[in-house]
Amino acid sequence: MSQINTAGRAGVQSSSPYDVDLVRKDFPILQQKMRGKRFVYLDNAATSLKPQSVIDAEIAYYTTMGANIHRGVYEFSERATLAFDAARESLRAFINVPEDGHIVFTKGATEGVNMVASGWGRRHLQSGDEIVTSELEHHANLVPWQELAREKGLVLKFLPIDPETGTLSLSGIEETITDRTRLVAITAMSNVTGYLPPVKEIVRIAHAHGAIVLVDGAQYVSHHKTDVTDLDCDFLVFSGHKMLGPTGTGVLYGKEACLDQMTPYNYGGDMIVKVYKDRATYRDIPERFEAGTPNVAGVIGLGAAVRYLLNLGMDNVATHERNLIRYLTAAAEDVPGIAVYATSDTEHLGGIFSFNLGDVHSHDTGAILDNEGIAVRTGFHCAQPYMRFLGIPGTVRASLYLYNTTEEIDIFIRALARVKEVFG
């Protein structure tokens, strides 16, 4: 796979559309030190840090409400219900949900994929039907389809990746998706390289063949403006913890027609209308898919995260990160022996920088960076098929977000020199 071509840091635009220093003050953990050094957090693809407003929203629930939702007739329960429902409305606005679409709360993107595989796939797919996905996928958007294919006798097909550019070609997409394809499951952004596949074109081609499309937006939604009405995907999953929200929160967006074809993933309280000894009837979408006591505090915190992002502006976030990744890839050209794994198409690249330093194991590089106060992710990043495609066991991954700075990138680049000093 080609490395990104840059000409050094000279002339690279690194300004931000907002005051990054002011934003950083909203994140209390950025005031901490790690290993006695300035804390440089570059593991945002795994999880993001949380602003004080999100922390405060969760605390406020536990200290001023504390009650379950949709059940109590007393004030604190009513207040909790209003806050919970307001979070759903914020998310509808955040991804521009159409009138015939719904937000279903989940524990994260992983649960969302499994809900569709179980509730839609088991009900509608038959032996010989095709599921199309790619080797770019996180295991969460591959293993559920593998298991379903094994169980139902389905055909699992993979969109071809150009080994030179690391991209999906339009011709390859058109050749792979056929009239036997019933579902396409595709990431909107690789968690290994940051590559942004042509999802809108994939949706168009899939729909032309009568297939539905599930988009894994776990990496994308937190960094780019997302409009499901324009995208026209049938399902979209994403995780709250990657977009400033609490862990254990997430969203399954679905068109009403598709959700209406699904059986519930869980059964229990709060999703039923009536229960008899031998049968039960269920509530409307989305409550039908939200059995049991939800993560009320987490959802309220996620609502606060969405409001923070809307206030900052997702176009501004994307611009800031695009400037940072260009600055980083330019700076990395001065690092001897570095191998960068990225698409050569810089216009379709998110804020992820995967690399190795010579023969140094990724875990060793990560350990040295840890000693320098820098947090990165090492290993195969829950994407082993993609690592096999690349012909490597793993990478070091530095992933950027809205609070990172060029100064932190400079610290990171200097720390890579320390790796070379230790391992030669």
Protein backbone atom coordinates (compact mmCIF):
# COMPACT_ATOMS: atom_id res chain seq x y z
CA MET A 1 0.00 0.00 0.00
CA SER A 2 1.34 3.42 -0.90
CA GLN A 3 2.37 5.89 1.72
CA ILE A 4 0.92 9.38 1.69
CA ASN A 5 3.02 11.68 -0.47
CA THR A 6 3.91 14.93 1.26
CA ALA A 7 6.65 17.47 0.94
CA GLY A 8 7.49 18.03 4.58
CA ARG A 9 5.82 20.35 7.05
CA ALA A 10 6.62 23.51 5.13
CA GLY A 11 3.44 24.99 3.73
CA VAL A 12 1.15 22.50 5.49
CA GLN A 13 -1.97 24.28 6.75
CA SER A 14 -2.24 23.58 10.47
CA SER A 15 -4.58 26.31 11.69
CA SER A 16 -7.87 25.33 13.31
CA PRO A 17 -11.35 26.73 12.67
CA TYR A 18 -11.84 27.06 16.43
CA ASP A 19 -9.76 27.89 19.52
CA VAL A 20 -8.22 24.51 20.38
CA ASP A 21 -6.66 25.78 23.60
CA LEU A 22 -10.09 26.90 24.79
CA VAL A 23 -11.61 23.53 23.85
CA ARG A 24 -8.89 21.66 25.74
CA LYS A 25 -9.89 23.41 28.95
CA ASP A 26 -13.23 21.57 28.74
CA PHE A 27 -11.46 18.21 29.22
CA PRO A 28 -10.23 17.78 32.81
CA ILE A 29 -8.12 14.70 32.08
CA LEU A 30 -5.94 16.73 29.71
CA GLN A 31 -4.67 18.59 32.78
CA GLN A 32 -3.20 15.32 34.11
CA LYS A 33 0.30 13.98 33.63
CA MET A 34 1.16 10.44 32.53
CA ARG A 35 4.45 8.87 33.64
CA GLY A 36 5.29 12.31 34.97
CA LYS A 37 5.13 13.81 31.47
CA ARG A 38 2.63 15.98 29.66
CA PHE A 39 -0.28 13.73 28.72
CA VAL A 40 -0.60 13.40 24.94
CA TYR A 41 -3.69 11.37 24.07
CA LEU A 42 -3.55 9.81 20.60
CA ASP A 43 -5.85 6.82 21.13
CA ASN A 44 -9.10 8.45 20.07
CA ALA A 45 -10.06 5.68 17.64
CA ALA A 46 -10.39 3.41 20.70
CA THR A 47 -12.28 5.89 22.86
CA SER A 48 -12.48 9.65 23.20
CA LEU A 49 -11.95 11.78 26.26
CA LYS A 50 -14.96 13.38 27.95
CA PRO A 51 -15.65 17.11 28.40
CA GLN A 52 -16.80 18.42 31.76
CA SER A 53 -20.32 19.00 30.41
CA VAL A 54 -20.76 15.28 29.76
CA ILE A 55 -19.38 14.37 33.18
CA ASP A 56 -21.68 16.94 34.77
CA ALA A 57 -24.73 15.58 32.91
CA GLU A 58 -24.15 12.08 34.29
CA ILE A 59 -23.53 13.39 37.79
CA ALA A 60 -26.67 15.52 37.59
CA TYR A 61 -28.76 12.47 36.80
CA TYR A 62 -27.47 10.55 39.82
CA THR A 63 -27.61 13.50 42.19
CA THR A 64 -30.85 15.22 41.14
CA MET A 65 -33.00 12.51 39.54
CA GLY A 66 -31.74 8.98 40.10
CA ALA A 67 -35.01 7.40 38.99
CA ASN A 68 -35.98 4.99 36.24
CA ILE A 69 -37.74 6.30 33.13
CA HIS A 70 -41.12 5.73 31.48
CA ARG A 71 -42.53 4.14 34.64
CA GLY A 72 -42.74 6.49 37.57
CA VAL A 73 -45.49 9.07 37.94
CA TYR A 74 -43.43 11.18 40.31
CA GLU A 75 -41.37 14.26 39.51
CA PHE A 76 -37.86 12.79 39.47
CA SER A 77 -38.88 9.97 37.13
CA GLU A 78 -40.62 12.45 34.85
CA ARG A 79 -37.50 14.64 34.76
CA ALA A 80 -35.31 11.65 33.94
CA THR A 81 -37.69 10.61 31.17
CA LEU A 82 -37.63 14.10 29.66
CA ALA A 83 -33.81 14.18 29.72
CA PHE A 84 -33.60 10.69 28.19
CA ASP A 85 -36.06 11.55 25.43
CA ALA A 86 -34.27 14.86 24.78
CA ALA A 87 -31.06 12.93 24.12
CA ARG A 88 -32.87 10.91 21.46
CA GLU A 89 -34.07 14.11 19.80
CA SER A 90 -30.54 15.56 19.88
CA LEU A 91 -29.26 12.46 18.12
CA ARG A 92 -32.00 12.66 15.51
CA ALA A 93 -30.83 16.18 14.70
CA PHE A 94 -27.16 15.16 14.84
CA ILE A 95 -27.46 12.65 11.98
CA ASN A 96 -30.53 14.24 10.33
CA VAL A 97 -32.93 11.36 10.80
CA PRO A 98 -35.90 11.49 8.39
CA GLU A 99 -39.51 11.13 9.52
CA ASP A 100 -39.50 7.42 8.66
CA GLY A 101 -36.31 6.73 10.63
CA HIS A 102 -35.64 5.88 14.25
CA ILE A 103 -32.89 6.06 16.88
CA VAL A 104 -32.55 2.91 18.96
CA PHE A 105 -30.23 3.11 21.97
CA THR A 106 -27.67 0.33 22.33
CA LYS A 107 -24.52 -0.42 24.32
CA GLY A 108 -22.44 0.49 21.28
CA ALA A 109 -21.85 -0.19 17.59
CA THR A 110 -21.08 -3.85 18.28
CA GLU A 111 -24.50 -4.47 19.80
CA GLY A 112 -26.13 -2.59 16.95
CA VAL A 113 -24.59 -4.88 14.32
CA ASN A 114 -25.57 -7.96 16.31
CA MET A 115 -29.13 -6.68 16.65
CA VAL A 116 -29.45 -6.42 12.88
CA ALA A 117 -27.75 -9.78 12.27
CA SER A 118 -30.06 -11.48 14.76
CA GLY A 119 -33.32 -9.58 14.26
CA TRP A 120 -33.19 -8.98 10.52
CA GLY A 121 -30.67 -11.48 9.16
CA ARG A 122 -32.01 -14.60 10.86
CA ARG A 123 -35.53 -13.73 9.83
CA HIS A 124 -34.99 -12.81 6.18
CA LEU A 125 -31.84 -14.44 4.81
CA GLN A 126 -31.94 -17.88 3.22
CA SER A 127 -29.35 -20.39 2.06
CA GLY A 128 -27.48 -19.09 -0.98
CA ASP A 129 -28.19 -15.42 -0.27
CA GLU A 130 -25.14 -13.15 -0.37
CA ILE A 131 -23.76 -10.80 2.27
CA VAL A 132 -21.13 -8.39 0.95
CA THR A 133 -18.58 -6.79 3.25
CA SER A 134 -14.85 -5.93 3.09
CA GLU A 135 -11.50 -6.83 4.62
CA LEU A 136 -11.39 -3.30 6.01
CA GLU A 137 -13.92 -4.15 8.68
CA HIS A 138 -13.57 -4.14 12.44
CA HIS A 139 -14.29 -7.61 13.79
CA ALA A 140 -17.62 -6.31 15.12
CA ASN A 141 -18.82 -5.81 11.53
CA LEU A 142 -17.47 -9.12 10.29
CA VAL A 143 -17.81 -11.87 12.90
CA PRO A 144 -21.62 -11.51 13.27
CA TRP A 145 -21.98 -12.01 9.50
CA GLN A 146 -19.56 -14.95 9.53
CA GLU A 147 -21.65 -16.66 12.20
CA LEU A 148 -24.90 -15.90 10.40
CA ALA A 149 -23.47 -17.19 7.11
CA ARG A 150 -22.37 -20.42 8.79
CA GLU A 151 -25.75 -20.87 10.47
CA LYS A 152 -27.90 -20.11 7.41
CA GLY A 153 -25.70 -21.32 4.55
CA LEU A 154 -25.12 -17.82 3.22
CA VAL A 155 -22.40 -16.67 0.83
CA LEU A 156 -20.02 -14.11 2.35
CA LYS A 157 -18.31 -11.97 -0.31
CA PHE A 158 -15.64 -9.26 0.01
CA LEU A 159 -15.23 -6.05 -1.93
CA PRO A 160 -11.76 -6.04 -3.54
CA ILE A 161 -9.16 -3.64 -2.16
CA ASP A 162 -6.59 -2.14 -4.53
CA PRO A 163 -3.22 -3.16 -2.97
CA GLU A 164 -1.49 -0.10 -4.40
CA THR A 165 -3.90 2.58 -3.19
CA GLY A 166 -5.68 0.82 -0.33
CA THR A 167 -9.04 1.91 -1.74
CA LEU A 168 -12.23 0.29 -3.01
CA SER A 169 -12.79 0.83 -6.73
CA LEU A 170 -16.19 1.58 -8.18
CA SER A 171 -15.75 -1.21 -10.74
CA GLY A 172 -14.91 -3.71 -8.01
CA ILE A 173 -17.98 -2.69 -6.03
CA GLU A 174 -20.23 -3.05 -9.07
CA GLU A 175 -18.82 -6.48 -9.90
CA THR A 176 -19.18 -7.83 -6.34
CA ILE A 177 -22.70 -6.68 -5.51
CA THR A 178 -25.19 -8.75 -7.51
CA ASP A 179 -28.89 -9.56 -7.58
CA ARG A 180 -28.15 -12.35 -5.10
CA THR A 181 -26.82 -9.81 -2.59
CA ARG A 182 -29.30 -9.23 0.20
CA LEU A 183 -27.18 -7.14 2.58
CA VAL A 184 -24.03 -5.03 2.37
CA ALA A 185 -22.16 -4.29 5.61
CA ILE A 186 -19.47 -1.64 5.20
CA THR A 187 -17.44 0.68 7.39
CA ALA A 188 -17.58 4.40 6.74
CA MET A 189 -14.01 4.81 8.00
CA SER A 190 -11.28 2.24 8.53
CA ASN A 191 -10.10 2.06 12.13
CA VAL A 192 -6.67 0.98 10.87
CA THR A 193 -5.81 3.55 8.20
CA GLY A 194 -8.55 6.18 8.36
CA TYR A 195 -9.61 5.43 4.78
CA LEU A 196 -13.12 6.69 3.92
CA PRO A 197 -14.81 4.27 1.48
CA PRO A 198 -17.34 5.63 -1.06
CA VAL A 199 -20.28 4.66 1.11
CA LYS A 200 -22.87 6.70 -0.75
CA GLU A 201 -21.96 4.97 -4.00
CA ILE A 202 -22.07 1.59 -2.28
CA VAL A 203 -25.57 2.37 -0.99
CA ARG A 204 -26.69 3.40 -4.47
CA ILE A 205 -25.34 0.25 -6.10
CA ALA A 206 -26.72 -2.03 -3.37
CA HIS A 207 -30.19 -0.51 -3.59
CA ALA A 208 -30.15 -0.93 -7.37
CA HIS A 209 -29.81 -4.67 -6.74
CA GLY A 210 -32.50 -4.71 -4.05
CA ALA A 211 -30.05 -5.11 -1.15
CA ILE A 212 -30.09 -3.22 2.13
CA VAL A 213 -27.01 -1.55 3.59
CA LEU A 214 -25.67 -1.42 7.14
CA VAL A 215 -23.00 1.22 7.68
CA ASP A 216 -20.55 0.90 10.56
CA GLY A 217 -20.11 4.52 11.59
CA ALA A 218 -18.15 3.87 14.79
CA GLN A 219 -15.11 5.78 13.49
CA TYR A 220 -16.87 8.14 11.10
CA VAL A 221 -19.78 9.69 12.98
CA SER A 222 -17.60 11.12 15.74
CA HIS A 223 -15.40 12.98 13.24
CA HIS A 224 -17.54 13.95 10.24
CA LYS A 225 -20.92 15.48 9.62
CA THR A 226 -23.31 12.59 9.02
CA ASP A 227 -26.61 12.88 7.17
CA VAL A 228 -28.49 9.57 6.97
CA THR A 229 -31.21 11.16 4.85
CA ASP A 230 -28.67 12.05 2.17
CA LEU A 231 -26.70 8.83 2.61
CA ASP A 232 -29.90 6.77 2.33
CA CYS A 233 -28.42 3.85 4.29
CA ASP A 234 -30.87 1.39 5.82
CA PHE A 235 -28.98 0.95 9.09
CA LEU A 236 -26.20 2.93 10.76
CA VAL A 237 -24.45 1.95 13.97
CA PHE A 238 -22.10 4.02 16.12
CA SER A 239 -20.75 4.21 19.66
CA GLY A 240 -21.13 7.03 22.17
CA HIS A 241 -17.74 6.55 23.78
CA LYS A 242 -15.93 7.49 20.57
CA MET A 243 -17.78 10.83 20.31
CA LEU A 244 -17.18 12.35 23.76
CA GLY A 245 -19.98 10.31 25.34
CA PRO A 246 -19.98 7.71 28.13
CA THR A 247 -18.90 4.12 27.62
CA GLY A 248 -21.68 1.58 27.21
CA THR A 249 -23.77 3.86 24.99
CA GLY A 250 -24.49 3.68 21.29
CA VAL A 251 -27.04 4.00 18.54
CA LEU A 252 -28.67 1.84 15.94
CA TYR A 253 -30.33 4.06 13.35
CA GLY A 254 -32.76 2.31 11.04
CA LYS A 255 -35.39 3.10 8.49
CA GLU A 256 -38.81 2.27 9.85
CA ALA A 257 -39.48 -0.22 7.06
CA CYS A 258 -36.33 -2.15 7.95
CA LEU A 259 -36.79 -2.00 11.71
CA ASP A 260 -40.37 -3.10 11.29
CA GLN A 261 -39.06 -6.29 9.64
CA MET A 262 -36.87 -7.10 12.65
CA THR A 263 -37.63 -9.22 15.67
CA PRO A 264 -36.44 -7.81 19.00
CA TYR A 265 -32.93 -8.70 20.13
CA ASN A 266 -33.94 -8.74 23.81
CA TYR A 267 -37.25 -9.36 25.53
CA GLY A 268 -38.41 -8.10 28.90
CA GLY A 269 -39.70 -5.02 30.61
CA ASP A 270 -40.47 -1.65 29.02
CA MET A 271 -40.77 -3.07 25.49
CA ILE A 272 -44.16 -4.73 25.92
CA VAL A 273 -47.75 -3.55 25.71
CA LYS A 274 -49.48 -6.60 27.17
CA VAL A 275 -48.27 -9.98 28.43
CA TYR A 276 -50.46 -13.07 28.75
CA LYS A 277 -49.52 -16.53 29.91
CA ASP A 278 -48.83 -17.70 26.37
CA ARG A 279 -47.97 -14.56 24.37
CA ALA A 280 -47.06 -10.89 24.47
CA THR A 281 -47.50 -7.79 22.32
CA TYR A 282 -44.77 -5.22 21.88
CA ARG A 283 -44.47 -1.46 21.83
CA ASP A 284 -43.79 0.58 18.73
CA ILE A 285 -40.35 1.35 17.36
CA PRO A 286 -37.91 2.29 18.93
CA GLU A 287 -39.02 1.14 22.40
CA ARG A 288 -39.65 -2.35 21.01
CA PHE A 289 -35.87 -2.79 20.79
CA GLU A 290 -34.98 -1.30 24.18
CA ALA A 291 -35.94 -3.98 26.69
CA GLY A 292 -35.06 -3.55 30.34
CA THR A 293 -33.73 -0.62 32.32
CA PRO A 294 -31.53 1.41 29.97
CA ASN A 295 -28.29 3.17 30.76
CA VAL A 296 -30.21 6.32 31.66
CA ALA A 297 -27.23 8.28 32.94
CA GLY A 298 -25.15 7.24 29.94
CA VAL A 299 -27.79 8.26 27.43
CA ILE A 300 -28.22 11.63 29.13
CA GLY A 301 -24.43 12.03 29.00
CA LEU A 302 -24.48 11.09 25.31
CA GLY A 303 -27.07 13.79 24.73
CA ALA A 304 -24.68 16.29 26.33
CA ALA A 305 -21.86 15.03 24.08
CA VAL A 306 -23.99 15.52 20.98
CA ARG A 307 -24.86 19.06 22.03
CA TYR A 308 -21.16 19.79 22.57
CA LEU A 309 -20.33 18.53 19.07
CA LEU A 310 -23.20 20.40 17.46
CA ASN A 311 -22.06 23.59 19.17
CA LEU A 312 -18.50 23.10 17.91
CA GLY A 313 -19.69 22.11 14.43
CA MET A 314 -18.83 18.79 12.80
CA ASP A 315 -17.51 20.47 9.68
CA ASN A 316 -15.10 22.37 11.94
CA VAL A 317 -14.07 19.13 13.64
CA ALA A 318 -13.38 17.47 10.29
CA THR A 319 -11.37 20.47 9.06
CA HIS A 320 -9.30 20.56 12.25
CA GLU A 321 -8.49 16.86 11.99
CA ARG A 322 -7.72 17.06 8.27
CA ASN A 323 -5.19 19.79 8.98
CA LEU A 324 -3.67 17.72 11.80
CA ILE A 325 -3.32 14.50 9.77
CA ARG A 326 -1.64 16.39 6.94
CA TYR A 327 0.73 18.01 9.42
CA LEU A 328 1.47 14.63 10.99
CA THR A 329 2.07 12.77 7.73
CA ALA A 330 4.36 15.57 6.55
CA ALA A 331 6.32 15.51 9.81
CA ALA A 332 6.66 11.72 9.65
CA GLU A 333 8.60 11.99 6.40
CA ASP A 334 11.58 13.08 8.50
CA VAL A 335 11.46 9.89 10.61
CA PRO A 336 14.02 7.32 9.36
CA GLY A 337 12.71 3.82 8.73
CA ILE A 338 9.03 4.60 9.23
CA ALA A 339 6.46 2.58 7.25
CA VAL A 340 3.09 4.27 7.04
CA TYR A 341 -0.07 2.30 6.21
CA ALA A 342 -2.55 4.65 4.57
CA THR A 343 -4.45 5.25 1.40
CA SER A 344 -2.71 7.46 -1.15
CA ASP A 345 -6.03 9.26 -1.63
CA THR A 346 -5.59 12.04 0.94
CA GLU A 347 -9.02 13.49 0.15
CA HIS A 348 -10.60 10.36 1.61
CA LEU A 349 -8.54 10.05 4.75
CA GLY A 350 -9.62 10.50 8.36
CA GLY A 351 -7.47 11.34 11.36
CA ILE A 352 -5.77 7.95 11.84
CA PHE A 353 -2.04 7.37 11.39
CA SER A 354 -0.88 3.71 11.42
CA PHE A 355 2.79 2.90 11.15
CA ASN A 356 5.73 0.74 12.16
CA LEU A 357 9.35 1.71 12.81
CA GLY A 358 11.68 -0.67 11.03
CA ASP A 359 11.73 -4.07 12.73
CA VAL A 360 10.61 -2.70 16.09
CA HIS A 361 7.52 -4.53 17.36
CA SER A 362 4.50 -2.27 17.66
CA HIS A 363 4.12 -3.10 21.36
CA ASP A 364 7.73 -2.03 22.01
CA THR A 365 7.15 1.26 20.23
CA GLY A 366 3.99 1.77 22.26
CA ALA A 367 5.84 1.08 25.52
CA ILE A 368 8.48 3.71 24.74
CA LEU A 369 5.80 6.24 23.82
CA ASP A 370 4.02 5.44 27.10
CA ASN A 371 7.21 6.35 28.98
CA GLU A 372 7.11 9.69 27.15
CA GLY A 373 3.53 10.38 28.26
CA ILE A 374 1.98 9.50 24.90
CA ALA A 375 -1.02 7.17 24.58
CA VAL A 376 -1.35 5.22 21.33
CA ARG A 377 -2.85 1.85 20.39
CA THR A 378 -0.72 -1.08 19.24
CA GLY A 379 -1.52 -4.47 17.72
CA PHE A 380 -4.06 -5.56 15.12
CA HIS A 381 -6.85 -3.16 16.17
CA CYS A 382 -9.64 -5.77 15.97
CA ALA A 383 -8.97 -6.05 12.23
CA GLN A 384 -6.96 -9.23 11.70
CA PRO A 385 -8.15 -9.92 8.12
CA TYR A 386 -7.00 -6.44 7.13
CA MET A 387 -3.63 -6.99 8.79
CA ARG A 388 -3.22 -10.19 6.76
CA PHE A 389 -4.09 -8.22 3.63
CA LEU A 390 -1.34 -5.75 4.55
CA GLY A 391 1.04 -8.61 5.34
CA ILE A 392 1.87 -7.42 8.85
CA PRO A 393 1.01 -8.61 12.39
CA GLY A 394 0.01 -5.16 13.61
CA THR A 395 0.78 -1.45 13.71
CA VAL A 396 1.19 1.47 16.04
CA ARG A 397 -1.89 3.66 15.67
CA ALA A 398 -1.99 7.35 16.53
CA SER A 399 -5.54 8.66 16.17
CA LEU A 400 -6.54 12.31 16.37
CA TYR A 401 -9.54 14.21 17.64
CA LEU A 402 -10.89 17.69 18.10
CA TYR A 403 -8.66 18.57 21.09
CA ASN A 404 -5.31 17.47 19.64
CA THR A 405 -2.74 20.06 18.56
CA THR A 406 0.28 20.42 16.29
CA GLU A 407 2.38 20.86 19.42
CA GLU A 408 1.34 17.37 20.52
CA ILE A 409 2.28 16.03 17.10
CA ASP A 410 5.73 17.59 17.49
CA ILE A 411 6.10 15.88 20.88
CA PHE A 412 5.03 12.59 19.29
CA ILE A 413 7.53 12.90 16.43
CA ARG A 414 10.36 13.66 18.86
CA ALA A 415 9.37 10.61 20.91
CA LEU A 416 9.74 8.41 17.84
CA ALA A 417 13.39 9.40 17.79
CA ARG A 418 13.61 8.00 21.31
CA VAL A 419 12.31 4.66 19.99
CA LYS A 420 15.11 4.63 17.42
CA GLU A 421 17.65 5.41 20.16
CA VAL A 422 16.49 2.46 22.26
CA PHE A 423 16.18 -0.13 19.51
CA GLY A 424 18.77 1.17 17.08
